[in-house]
N, C-alpha and C. Protein backbone atom coordinates (compact mmCIF):
# COMPACT_ATOMS: atom_id res chain seq x y z
N ALA A 1 85.54 119.10 99.39
CA ALA A 1 85.45 118.70 98.03
C ALA A 1 86.05 117.61 97.31
N GLY A 2 85.25 116.41 96.73
CA GLY A 2 86.07 115.62 96.05
C GLY A 2 86.45 116.05 94.74
N GLY A 3 86.77 115.20 93.94
CA GLY A 3 87.36 115.40 92.71
C GLY A 3 86.34 115.96 91.59
N GLU A 4 85.11 115.34 91.80
CA GLU A 4 84.02 115.93 90.80
C GLU A 4 82.71 116.04 91.55
N HIS A 5 82.79 116.15 92.95
CA HIS A 5 81.57 116.55 93.61
C HIS A 5 81.89 117.29 94.97
N THR A 6 81.04 117.92 95.51
CA THR A 6 81.20 118.69 96.63
C THR A 6 80.15 118.50 97.76
N VAL A 7 80.61 118.38 98.81
CA VAL A 7 79.99 118.01 100.03
C VAL A 7 79.81 119.00 100.82
N GLY A 8 78.81 119.39 101.76
CA GLY A 8 78.49 120.18 102.46
C GLY A 8 77.82 119.76 103.92
N LEU A 9 78.51 120.14 105.16
CA LEU A 9 77.91 119.71 106.46
C LEU A 9 76.99 121.01 106.86
N LYS A 10 75.92 120.40 107.13
CA LYS A 10 74.95 121.73 107.66
C LYS A 10 74.93 121.84 109.18
N ALA A 11 74.65 122.81 109.60
CA ALA A 11 74.61 123.15 111.08
C ALA A 11 73.76 122.19 112.00
N ASP A 12 73.00 121.61 111.21
CA ASP A 12 72.03 120.65 112.08
C ASP A 12 72.57 119.16 111.79
N GLY A 13 73.80 119.01 111.40
CA GLY A 13 74.54 117.61 111.40
C GLY A 13 74.20 116.80 110.19
N THR A 14 73.26 117.52 109.39
CA THR A 14 72.88 116.77 107.95
C THR A 14 73.99 116.99 106.80
N VAL A 15 74.02 116.38 105.95
CA VAL A 15 74.84 116.39 104.96
C VAL A 15 74.30 116.70 103.58
N VAL A 16 74.85 117.47 102.74
CA VAL A 16 74.42 117.64 101.43
C VAL A 16 75.62 117.38 100.44
N ALA A 17 75.08 116.65 99.11
CA ALA A 17 76.24 116.76 98.17
C ALA A 17 75.69 116.85 96.78
N ALA A 18 76.66 117.49 95.90
CA ALA A 18 76.07 117.72 94.80
C ALA A 18 77.26 117.32 93.60
N GLY A 19 77.15 117.09 92.29
CA GLY A 19 78.03 116.74 91.52
C GLY A 19 77.95 115.35 90.83
N TRP A 20 79.09 114.99 90.31
CA TRP A 20 79.16 113.48 89.64
C TRP A 20 78.75 112.38 90.76
N ASN A 21 77.84 111.65 90.40
CA ASN A 21 77.39 110.65 91.37
C ASN A 21 77.37 109.33 90.93
N ASP A 22 78.50 108.80 89.92
CA ASP A 22 78.24 107.74 89.36
C ASP A 22 78.38 106.39 90.31
N PHE A 23 79.23 106.74 91.39
CA PHE A 23 79.48 105.78 92.20
C PHE A 23 78.85 105.75 93.79
N GLY A 24 77.68 106.63 93.55
CA GLY A 24 76.87 106.89 94.77
C GLY A 24 77.71 107.86 96.05
N GLN A 25 78.59 108.49 95.42
CA GLN A 25 79.44 109.43 96.42
C GLN A 25 78.47 110.53 96.97
N CYS A 26 77.38 110.65 96.17
CA CYS A 26 76.78 111.75 96.67
C CYS A 26 75.24 111.46 97.52
N GLU A 27 75.30 110.24 97.58
CA GLU A 27 74.18 109.62 98.53
C GLU A 27 74.30 109.67 100.02
N VAL A 28 74.17 111.15 100.55
CA VAL A 28 74.46 111.29 101.87
C VAL A 28 73.15 111.99 102.60
N GLY A 29 72.03 111.88 101.65
CA GLY A 29 70.76 112.33 102.11
C GLY A 29 70.30 111.89 103.45
N ASN A 30 70.56 110.58 104.07
CA ASN A 30 70.16 110.09 105.02
C ASN A 30 71.09 110.33 106.33
N TRP A 31 72.25 111.05 106.00
CA TRP A 31 73.21 111.02 107.27
C TRP A 31 72.82 112.03 108.16
N THR A 32 72.84 111.81 109.28
CA THR A 32 72.23 112.89 110.39
C THR A 32 73.43 112.69 111.62
N ASP A 33 73.60 113.71 112.59
CA ASP A 33 74.57 113.67 113.55
C ASP A 33 75.99 113.77 113.11
N ILE A 34 76.36 114.25 111.99
CA ILE A 34 77.50 114.35 111.44
C ILE A 34 78.50 115.46 111.83
N THR A 35 79.64 115.24 112.12
CA THR A 35 80.36 116.48 112.87
C THR A 35 81.61 116.71 111.81
N GLN A 36 81.87 116.09 110.80
CA GLN A 36 82.91 116.37 109.85
C GLN A 36 82.70 115.48 108.64
N VAL A 37 83.06 115.80 107.38
CA VAL A 37 82.83 115.15 106.12
C VAL A 37 84.17 115.23 105.43
N ALA A 38 84.39 114.33 104.47
CA ALA A 38 85.61 114.27 103.70
C ALA A 38 85.24 113.45 102.45
N ALA A 39 86.06 114.06 101.45
CA ALA A 39 85.59 113.60 100.01
C ALA A 39 86.80 113.43 99.19
N ASP A 40 86.81 112.58 98.43
CA ASP A 40 87.69 112.37 97.27
C ASP A 40 87.04 112.00 96.05
N ARG A 41 87.58 111.68 94.84
CA ARG A 41 86.79 111.68 93.56
C ARG A 41 85.59 110.70 93.70
N VAL A 42 85.78 109.57 94.17
CA VAL A 42 84.61 108.53 94.15
C VAL A 42 84.12 108.21 95.51
N HIS A 43 84.47 108.78 96.49
CA HIS A 43 83.89 108.49 97.89
C HIS A 43 83.95 109.74 98.64
N THR A 44 82.87 109.38 99.63
CA THR A 44 82.56 110.47 100.76
C THR A 44 82.33 109.91 102.01
N VAL A 45 83.00 110.45 102.95
CA VAL A 45 83.17 109.93 104.51
C VAL A 45 82.73 110.97 105.38
N GLY A 46 81.83 110.36 106.25
CA GLY A 46 81.41 111.21 107.53
C GLY A 46 81.43 110.82 108.85
N LEU A 47 81.86 111.63 109.72
CA LEU A 47 82.24 111.39 111.03
C LEU A 47 81.11 111.70 111.83
N GLU A 48 80.51 110.70 112.66
CA GLU A 48 79.35 110.84 113.56
C GLU A 48 79.48 111.55 114.74
N SER A 49 78.78 112.22 115.51
CA SER A 49 79.29 112.64 116.95
C SER A 49 79.69 111.63 117.85
N ASP A 50 79.33 110.40 117.61
CA ASP A 50 79.35 109.33 118.62
C ASP A 50 80.83 108.54 118.21
N GLY A 51 81.59 109.18 117.23
CA GLY A 51 82.84 108.49 116.89
C GLY A 51 83.13 107.62 115.87
N THR A 52 81.82 107.14 115.43
CA THR A 52 81.59 106.04 114.17
C THR A 52 81.70 107.04 112.96
N VAL A 53 81.95 106.14 111.96
CA VAL A 53 82.40 106.78 110.77
C VAL A 53 81.22 106.11 109.66
N VAL A 54 80.99 106.64 108.78
CA VAL A 54 80.12 106.31 107.54
C VAL A 54 80.79 106.80 106.25
N ALA A 55 80.70 105.80 105.36
CA ALA A 55 81.14 106.16 103.83
C ALA A 55 80.20 105.66 102.67
N VAL A 56 80.31 106.57 101.83
CA VAL A 56 79.43 105.95 100.61
C VAL A 56 80.25 106.17 99.56
N GLY A 57 79.97 105.49 98.25
CA GLY A 57 80.71 105.80 96.89
C GLY A 57 81.28 104.31 96.63
N ASP A 58 82.26 104.40 95.77
CA ASP A 58 83.08 103.29 95.12
C ASP A 58 83.86 102.75 96.39
N ASN A 59 83.66 101.43 96.48
CA ASN A 59 84.38 100.60 97.62
C ASN A 59 85.12 99.54 96.97
N TYR A 60 85.60 99.76 95.66
CA TYR A 60 86.26 98.88 94.81
C TYR A 60 87.69 98.34 95.55
N TRP A 61 88.39 99.25 96.17
CA TRP A 61 89.48 99.06 96.96
C TRP A 61 89.43 98.93 98.46
N GLY A 62 87.97 98.98 98.89
CA GLY A 62 87.80 98.73 100.29
C GLY A 62 87.83 99.98 100.85
N ARG A 63 87.94 101.14 100.30
CA ARG A 63 87.96 102.50 100.96
C ARG A 63 86.75 103.10 101.86
N CYS A 64 85.72 102.11 101.50
CA CYS A 64 84.43 102.45 102.51
C CYS A 64 84.23 101.58 103.49
N ASP A 65 85.01 100.74 103.67
CA ASP A 65 85.02 99.68 104.84
C ASP A 65 85.46 100.41 106.16
N VAL A 66 84.40 101.21 106.56
CA VAL A 66 84.66 102.01 107.88
C VAL A 66 83.86 101.32 108.93
N GLY A 67 82.96 100.63 108.64
CA GLY A 67 81.82 100.13 109.49
C GLY A 67 82.24 99.88 110.98
N GLY A 68 83.25 99.47 111.21
CA GLY A 68 83.55 98.96 112.55
C GLY A 68 84.46 99.94 113.14
N TRP A 69 84.89 101.19 112.68
CA TRP A 69 85.70 102.16 113.43
C TRP A 69 84.63 102.89 114.54
N THR A 70 85.26 103.01 115.58
CA THR A 70 84.75 103.83 116.80
C THR A 70 85.69 104.58 117.47
N ASP A 71 85.19 105.59 118.01
CA ASP A 71 86.15 106.49 118.72
C ASP A 71 87.07 107.29 117.99
N ILE A 72 86.75 107.72 116.92
CA ILE A 72 87.22 108.45 115.85
C ILE A 72 87.05 109.93 116.10
N THR A 73 87.89 110.66 115.89
CA THR A 73 88.04 112.11 116.23
C THR A 73 88.11 112.99 114.72
N GLN A 74 88.63 112.31 113.75
CA GLN A 74 88.87 113.00 112.34
C GLN A 74 88.94 111.99 111.57
N VAL A 75 88.45 112.33 110.11
CA VAL A 75 88.60 111.38 109.12
C VAL A 75 89.19 112.37 107.88
N ALA A 76 89.76 111.52 107.06
CA ALA A 76 90.51 111.99 105.76
C ALA A 76 90.15 111.11 104.62
N ALA A 77 89.90 111.32 103.31
CA ALA A 77 89.65 110.73 102.10
C ALA A 77 90.76 110.94 101.10
N GLY A 78 91.43 110.09 100.96
CA GLY A 78 92.54 110.07 99.88
C GLY A 78 91.88 109.33 98.44
N LEU A 79 92.84 109.28 97.39
CA LEU A 79 92.41 108.98 96.04
C LEU A 79 91.86 107.49 96.26
N HIS A 80 92.34 106.63 96.97
CA HIS A 80 92.10 105.18 97.02
C HIS A 80 92.06 104.59 98.37
N HIS A 81 91.82 105.54 99.39
CA HIS A 81 91.91 105.09 100.83
C HIS A 81 91.14 106.11 101.70
N THR A 82 90.83 105.76 102.98
CA THR A 82 90.25 106.60 103.86
C THR A 82 91.13 106.37 105.04
N VAL A 83 91.36 107.46 106.03
CA VAL A 83 92.16 107.43 107.16
C VAL A 83 91.17 107.95 108.28
N GLY A 84 91.42 107.48 109.44
CA GLY A 84 90.67 107.78 110.82
C GLY A 84 91.87 108.09 111.69
N LEU A 85 91.53 109.09 112.59
CA LEU A 85 92.32 109.48 113.65
C LEU A 85 91.46 108.94 115.13
N GLU A 86 92.11 108.06 115.88
CA GLU A 86 91.36 107.83 117.11
C GLU A 86 91.52 108.58 118.03
N SER A 87 90.89 108.75 119.00
CA SER A 87 90.82 109.52 120.42
C SER A 87 92.26 109.52 121.07
N ASP A 88 92.90 108.10 120.88
CA ASP A 88 94.16 107.83 121.91
C ASP A 88 95.29 108.30 120.87
N GLY A 89 95.11 108.88 119.83
CA GLY A 89 96.27 109.42 118.80
C GLY A 89 96.81 108.52 117.91
N THR A 90 96.02 107.11 117.95
CA THR A 90 96.42 106.21 116.77
C THR A 90 95.66 106.34 115.70
N VAL A 91 96.07 105.85 114.58
CA VAL A 91 95.42 106.05 113.36
C VAL A 91 95.02 104.64 112.53
N VAL A 92 93.93 104.68 112.05
CA VAL A 92 93.44 103.44 111.04
C VAL A 92 93.27 104.06 109.67
N ALA A 93 93.36 102.82 108.79
CA ALA A 93 93.25 103.07 107.51
C ALA A 93 92.93 101.96 106.74
N VAL A 94 91.88 102.24 105.67
CA VAL A 94 91.55 101.19 104.81
C VAL A 94 91.56 101.81 103.33
N GLY A 95 91.62 100.78 102.37
CA GLY A 95 91.90 100.96 100.90
C GLY A 95 92.87 100.32 100.24
N PHE A 96 93.24 100.90 99.10
CA PHE A 96 94.33 100.69 98.31
C PHE A 96 95.39 100.82 98.84
N ASN A 97 96.30 99.83 98.94
CA ASN A 97 97.64 99.93 99.85
C ASN A 97 98.89 99.36 99.17
N VAL A 98 98.95 99.75 97.58
CA VAL A 98 100.05 99.02 96.79
C VAL A 98 101.26 99.93 97.47
N PRO A 99 101.08 101.48 97.40
CA PRO A 99 102.26 102.11 97.58
C PRO A 99 102.40 102.13 99.30
N GLY A 100 101.65 101.63 100.16
CA GLY A 100 101.79 101.82 101.38
C GLY A 100 101.08 102.80 102.14
N GLU A 101 100.13 103.57 101.67
CA GLU A 101 99.33 104.69 102.12
C GLU A 101 98.71 104.22 103.30
N CYS A 102 98.27 102.96 103.72
CA CYS A 102 97.55 102.33 104.61
C CYS A 102 98.40 101.82 105.74
N GLU A 103 99.57 102.16 105.75
CA GLU A 103 100.67 101.53 106.79
C GLU A 103 100.67 102.53 107.83
N VAL A 104 99.70 102.62 108.45
CA VAL A 104 99.65 103.53 110.03
C VAL A 104 99.51 103.14 110.99
N GLY A 105 99.37 101.71 111.05
CA GLY A 105 99.28 100.93 112.41
C GLY A 105 100.35 101.08 113.35
N ASN A 106 101.29 101.75 113.22
CA ASN A 106 102.55 101.88 114.17
C ASN A 106 102.45 103.29 114.67
N TRP A 107 101.54 104.06 113.98
CA TRP A 107 101.68 105.76 114.15
C TRP A 107 101.04 105.94 115.61
N THR A 108 101.66 106.63 116.50
CA THR A 108 100.92 107.22 117.95
C THR A 108 101.22 108.62 118.08
N ASP A 109 100.54 109.12 119.02
CA ASP A 109 100.71 110.41 119.45
C ASP A 109 100.44 111.56 118.38
N ILE A 110 99.39 111.05 117.58
CA ILE A 110 98.92 111.89 116.28
C ILE A 110 97.81 112.90 116.79
N THR A 111 97.95 113.98 116.20
CA THR A 111 96.91 114.92 116.58
C THR A 111 96.09 115.51 115.29
N GLN A 112 96.56 115.21 114.03
CA GLN A 112 95.77 115.50 112.91
C GLN A 112 96.26 114.59 111.77
N VAL A 113 95.55 114.18 110.69
CA VAL A 113 95.83 113.58 109.66
C VAL A 113 95.30 113.95 108.18
N ALA A 114 95.93 113.57 107.17
CA ALA A 114 95.57 114.21 105.95
C ALA A 114 95.92 112.98 104.78
N ALA A 115 94.87 112.73 103.88
CA ALA A 115 95.12 111.59 103.21
C ALA A 115 95.32 112.28 101.62
N GLY A 116 96.35 111.92 101.00
CA GLY A 116 96.64 112.45 99.64
C GLY A 116 96.28 111.39 98.51
N GLY A 117 96.63 111.79 97.39
CA GLY A 117 96.45 110.73 96.50
C GLY A 117 96.67 109.36 96.61
N LEU A 118 98.01 108.99 96.87
CA LEU A 118 98.41 107.73 97.36
C LEU A 118 99.47 107.56 98.64
N HIS A 119 99.19 108.84 99.63
CA HIS A 119 100.01 108.94 100.66
C HIS A 119 99.20 109.40 101.79
N THR A 120 99.63 109.10 103.01
CA THR A 120 98.93 109.58 104.08
C THR A 120 100.06 110.49 105.08
N VAL A 121 99.74 111.49 105.88
CA VAL A 121 100.40 112.42 106.29
C VAL A 121 99.81 112.53 107.85
N GLY A 122 100.58 112.52 108.88
CA GLY A 122 99.93 112.83 110.04
C GLY A 122 100.86 113.75 110.95
N VAL A 123 100.31 114.69 111.83
CA VAL A 123 101.05 115.61 112.66
C VAL A 123 101.00 114.97 114.08
N LYS A 124 102.39 114.98 114.66
CA LYS A 124 102.18 114.40 116.01
C LYS A 124 102.18 115.57 117.08
N SER A 125 101.90 115.21 118.32
CA SER A 125 101.66 116.21 119.38
C SER A 125 103.04 117.10 119.64
N ASP A 126 104.29 116.47 119.20
CA ASP A 126 105.53 117.30 119.27
C ASP A 126 105.66 118.32 118.11
N GLY A 127 104.89 118.23 117.23
CA GLY A 127 104.89 119.24 116.04
C GLY A 127 105.48 118.50 114.77
N THR A 128 106.10 117.33 114.95
CA THR A 128 106.95 116.85 113.68
C THR A 128 105.80 115.95 113.01
N VAL A 129 106.14 115.67 111.84
CA VAL A 129 105.32 114.94 110.93
C VAL A 129 105.81 113.82 110.63
N VAL A 130 104.95 112.76 110.21
CA VAL A 130 105.23 111.48 109.61
C VAL A 130 104.32 111.33 108.24
N ALA A 131 104.63 110.28 107.32
CA ALA A 131 104.12 110.35 106.02
C ALA A 131 104.45 108.82 105.67
N VAL A 132 103.53 108.27 105.12
CA VAL A 132 103.83 106.70 104.39
C VAL A 132 103.05 106.90 103.02
N GLY A 133 103.45 106.00 102.04
CA GLY A 133 103.09 105.94 100.91
C GLY A 133 103.75 106.24 99.68
N ASP A 134 103.13 106.75 98.67
CA ASP A 134 103.75 107.14 97.38
C ASP A 134 104.52 108.29 97.62
N ASN A 135 105.89 108.16 97.23
CA ASN A 135 106.72 109.51 97.37
C ASN A 135 107.38 109.84 95.98
N SER A 136 106.83 109.54 95.06
CA SER A 136 107.19 109.77 93.65
C SER A 136 107.74 111.20 93.31
N PHE A 137 106.99 112.23 93.94
CA PHE A 137 107.28 113.71 93.87
C PHE A 137 107.79 114.25 95.10
N GLY A 138 108.28 113.40 96.12
CA GLY A 138 108.70 113.92 97.32
C GLY A 138 107.80 114.36 98.28
N GLN A 139 106.37 113.78 98.21
CA GLN A 139 105.24 114.34 98.74
C GLN A 139 105.37 113.67 100.21
N CYS A 140 106.24 112.83 100.59
CA CYS A 140 106.35 112.07 102.00
C CYS A 140 107.64 112.50 102.53
N GLU A 141 108.25 113.53 101.90
CA GLU A 141 109.49 114.07 102.74
C GLU A 141 109.32 115.02 103.53
N VAL A 142 108.79 114.61 104.71
CA VAL A 142 108.41 115.52 105.72
C VAL A 142 109.09 115.34 107.10
N GLY A 143 109.98 114.60 106.96
CA GLY A 143 110.66 114.15 108.30
C GLY A 143 111.53 115.09 108.96
N SER A 144 111.74 116.21 108.23
CA SER A 144 112.62 117.38 108.79
C SER A 144 111.56 118.52 109.12
N TRP A 145 110.17 118.38 109.17
CA TRP A 145 109.24 119.29 109.45
C TRP A 145 108.90 119.60 111.08
N THR A 146 109.16 120.64 111.54
CA THR A 146 109.07 120.76 113.02
C THR A 146 108.10 121.88 113.02
N ASN A 147 107.42 121.99 114.61
CA ASN A 147 106.64 122.97 114.91
C ASN A 147 105.45 123.28 114.04
N MET A 148 104.77 121.93 113.25
CA MET A 148 103.80 121.97 112.62
C MET A 148 102.45 121.90 113.46
N VAL A 149 101.24 122.57 112.74
CA VAL A 149 100.02 122.29 113.73
C VAL A 149 99.18 121.71 112.63
N LYS A 150 99.24 121.71 111.31
CA LYS A 150 98.35 121.27 110.56
C LYS A 150 98.96 120.88 109.17
N VAL A 151 98.53 119.86 108.49
CA VAL A 151 99.07 119.31 107.13
C VAL A 151 97.78 119.20 106.27
N ALA A 152 98.05 119.35 105.07
CA ALA A 152 97.11 118.84 103.86
C ALA A 152 97.87 118.28 102.90
N ALA A 153 97.18 117.21 102.39
CA ALA A 153 97.77 116.48 101.23
C ALA A 153 96.89 116.38 99.89
N GLY A 154 97.59 116.73 98.76
CA GLY A 154 97.11 116.50 97.55
C GLY A 154 97.45 115.25 96.80
N LEU A 155 97.21 115.52 95.34
CA LEU A 155 97.46 114.21 94.76
C LEU A 155 99.10 113.84 94.64
N PHE A 156 99.91 114.77 94.57
CA PHE A 156 101.27 114.54 94.64
C PHE A 156 101.95 115.60 95.40
N HIS A 157 101.47 116.00 96.35
CA HIS A 157 102.18 117.06 97.34
C HIS A 157 101.46 117.23 98.81
N THR A 158 102.36 117.78 99.34
CA THR A 158 101.86 117.91 101.04
C THR A 158 102.37 119.24 101.40
N VAL A 159 101.49 119.93 102.17
CA VAL A 159 101.45 121.40 102.73
C VAL A 159 101.38 121.41 104.26
N GLY A 160 102.10 122.24 104.89
CA GLY A 160 101.91 122.17 106.34
C GLY A 160 102.14 123.43 106.78
N VAL A 161 101.26 123.74 108.03
CA VAL A 161 101.20 124.99 108.53
C VAL A 161 102.03 124.94 110.01
N LYS A 162 103.01 125.84 110.05
CA LYS A 162 103.71 125.93 111.26
C LYS A 162 103.18 126.87 112.47
N ASP A 163 103.65 126.72 113.73
CA ASP A 163 102.99 127.37 114.72
C ASP A 163 102.98 128.91 114.58
N ASP A 164 103.96 129.28 113.74
CA ASP A 164 104.10 130.86 113.80
C ASP A 164 103.33 131.22 112.38
N GLY A 165 102.54 130.25 111.71
CA GLY A 165 101.75 130.89 110.51
C GLY A 165 102.39 130.53 109.37
N THR A 166 103.75 130.13 109.20
CA THR A 166 104.16 130.07 107.89
C THR A 166 103.96 128.91 107.36
N VAL A 167 103.87 128.68 106.07
CA VAL A 167 103.71 127.36 105.31
C VAL A 167 104.89 126.89 104.41
N VAL A 168 104.82 125.59 104.76
CA VAL A 168 105.87 124.79 104.26
C VAL A 168 105.21 123.83 103.07
């Protein structure tokens, strides 16, 4: 779900969206062969089965500039940015980068990504976590996290699930 719209991925790979559409973030009716969707307040991102990415909505900060992305296995949508996980464990990001949420070019061995308000978080294959961007409320203070299998990022917070099912 985005901030003011909801996106659904159907079993046949098509996408539906409903809600606030002032920036065209619900214009997903022609998307096909989609395997994952992500949304934030004013944009929606879709991962196609061939590893390419599509995006609609407000592109003021370049958050929809994903047309050249290939070999992507996961996407995440933040407040002003979009993140993609490549099959080799590297990460790409586009969008507003003032607090550094798109500074993921040196990340390697990543297995999962999350995009928050103005921060990006990644889980490494060894279970540690990395984060960049705005840390006004400690949302990037994940350096001591271990044995993690999944993370989620909100506007000003980060949540993680450990391999034993506990949550931090």
